[in-house]
Protein backbone atom coordinates (compact mmCIF):
# COMPACT_ATOMS: atom_id res chain seq x y z
CA UNK A 1 9.07 8.73 16.96
CA UNK A 2 7.76 9.46 13.46
CA UNK A 3 10.20 6.97 11.95
CA UNK A 4 9.00 4.28 14.38
CA UNK A 5 5.37 5.02 13.47
CA UNK A 6 6.17 4.75 9.75
CA UNK A 7 7.99 1.45 10.28
CA UNK A 8 4.97 0.04 12.10
CA UNK A 9 2.60 1.17 9.32
CA UNK A 10 4.81 -0.49 6.69
CA UNK A 11 5.12 -3.73 8.67
CA UNK A 12 3.73 -6.92 7.16
CA UNK A 13 1.34 -8.91 9.29
CA UNK A 14 0.90 -11.89 6.96
CA UNK A 15 3.00 -13.35 4.15
CA UNK A 16 1.10 -15.56 1.70
CA UNK A 17 2.40 -18.57 -0.19
CA UNK A 18 1.38 -19.36 -3.76
CA UNK A 19 -1.05 -21.97 -2.44
CA UNK A 20 -2.83 -19.33 -0.34
CA UNK A 21 -3.89 -17.38 -3.43
CA UNK A 22 -7.07 -18.10 -5.36
CA UNK A 23 -7.07 -18.60 -9.13
CA UNK A 24 -8.01 -14.98 -9.93
CA UNK A 25 -5.27 -13.61 -7.65
CA UNK A 26 -2.68 -15.90 -9.22
CA UNK A 27 -3.76 -14.92 -12.74
CA UNK A 28 -3.71 -11.18 -11.98
CA UNK A 29 -0.28 -11.42 -10.37
CA UNK A 30 1.20 -13.61 -13.10
CA UNK A 31 -0.23 -11.60 -15.98
CA UNK A 32 0.84 -8.28 -14.47
CA UNK A 33 4.39 -9.44 -13.88
CA UNK A 34 4.49 -11.09 -17.33
CA UNK A 35 3.74 -7.74 -19.00
CA UNK A 36 6.53 -6.04 -17.07
CA UNK A 37 8.97 -8.86 -17.83
CA UNK A 38 8.25 -8.37 -21.56
CA UNK A 39 9.48 -4.77 -21.37
CA UNK A 40 12.18 -4.94 -18.66
CA UNK A 41 14.99 -7.41 -18.13
CA UNK A 42 16.25 -8.51 -14.74
CA UNK A 43 12.83 -8.73 -13.10
CA UNK A 44 10.62 -11.72 -12.38
CA UNK A 45 7.76 -13.12 -10.35
CA UNK A 46 10.39 -14.19 -7.80
CA UNK A 47 10.83 -10.49 -6.92
CA UNK A 48 7.28 -10.32 -5.52
CA UNK A 49 5.92 -11.29 -2.10
CA UNK A 50 2.19 -11.17 -1.40
CA UNK A 51 1.42 -9.81 2.05
CA UNK A 52 -0.98 -7.97 4.31
CA UNK A 53 0.32 -4.68 5.70
CA UNK A 54 -0.46 -3.35 9.16
CA UNK A 55 -1.70 -0.16 7.46
CA UNK A 56 -4.54 -1.27 5.18
CA UNK A 57 -4.02 1.78 2.93
CA UNK A 58 -0.64 0.48 1.74
CA UNK A 59 -0.98 -1.53 -1.47
CA UNK A 60 2.69 -2.12 -2.19
CA UNK A 61 6.24 -1.43 -1.09
CA UNK A 62 9.71 -1.89 -2.53
CA UNK A 63 12.04 -2.86 0.27
CA UNK A 64 15.52 -4.38 0.24
CA UNK A 65 15.27 -5.36 -3.43
CA UNK A 66 11.95 -7.16 -2.94
CA UNK A 67 8.49 -6.03 -3.92
CA UNK A 68 5.68 -6.54 -1.45
CA UNK A 69 2.11 -6.29 -2.70
CA UNK A 70 -1.09 -6.37 -0.68
CA UNK A 71 -3.10 -9.51 -1.31
CA UNK A 72 -6.35 -7.54 -1.45
CA UNK A 73 -5.30 -5.62 -4.56
CA UNK A 74 -4.79 -8.84 -6.52
CA UNK A 75 -8.57 -9.26 -6.77
CA UNK A 76 -8.70 -6.85 -9.73
CA UNK A 77 -6.35 -7.01 -12.72
CA UNK A 78 -6.16 -3.22 -13.12
CA UNK A 79 -5.31 -2.64 -9.45
CA UNK A 80 -2.70 -5.38 -9.55
CA UNK A 81 -1.04 -3.92 -12.63
CA UNK A 82 -1.04 -0.38 -11.20
CA UNK A 83 0.71 -1.48 -8.02
CA UNK A 84 3.12 -3.81 -9.79
CA UNK A 85 4.24 -1.17 -12.31
CA UNK A 86 4.69 1.38 -9.52
CA UNK A 87 6.74 -0.97 -7.33
CA UNK A 88 8.83 -2.37 -10.19
CA UNK A 89 9.52 1.27 -11.06
CA UNK A 90 11.20 1.57 -7.66
CA UNK A 91 13.17 -1.63 -8.15
CA UNK A 92 14.43 -0.60 -11.58
CA UNK A 93 15.10 3.09 -10.90
CA UNK A 94 16.32 2.48 -7.32
CA UNK A 95 14.65 5.75 -6.37
CA UNK A 96 11.84 6.65 -4.00
CA UNK A 97 8.35 8.09 -4.44
CA UNK A 98 8.23 11.53 -5.95
CA UNK A 99 11.68 11.37 -7.52
CA UNK A 100 12.09 12.15 -11.20
CA UNK A 101 13.88 8.84 -11.81
CA UNK A 102 11.05 6.80 -10.35
CA UNK A 103 8.34 8.76 -12.14
CA UNK A 104 10.22 8.51 -15.45
CA UNK A 105 10.62 4.74 -15.04
CA UNK A 106 6.93 4.21 -14.23
CA UNK A 107 5.91 6.26 -17.28
CA UNK A 108 8.40 4.37 -19.44
CA UNK A 109 7.10 0.98 -18.29
CA UNK A 110 3.52 2.04 -19.09
CA UNK A 111 4.54 3.35 -22.51
CA UNK A 112 6.39 0.13 -23.32
CA UNK A 113 3.47 -2.03 -22.19
CA UNK A 114 1.08 0.05 -24.29
CA UNK A 115 3.37 -0.34 -27.31
CA UNK A 116 3.15 -4.13 -26.87
CA UNK A 117 -0.63 -3.93 -27.24
CA UNK A 118 -0.57 -1.57 -30.25
CA UNK A 119 -0.62 -2.78 -33.85
């Protein structure tokens, strides 16, 4: 029963095409992914689907090799980057929330992005 409830919460209710996004959402998604691509190989914008989740508290999921991000979080660059780094951390580490491998990968992505910005 609990597994069924979790599946329903994680379910997508809407999948958005590129044309459905406004200019700010496109920019925040593209720029966030571009930073990650600079520090990690084998990832791209093609790995990301923009969706609405049944549970409005979910901002992103990594599922079956694809990253799903909630459209609403694309309104702010910082929120978009937080969710993208977290979800790409799953894709790269192939580990779930709370695992050392996932946490290490997320921290490593942030460190590498920060190093890009440093003199």
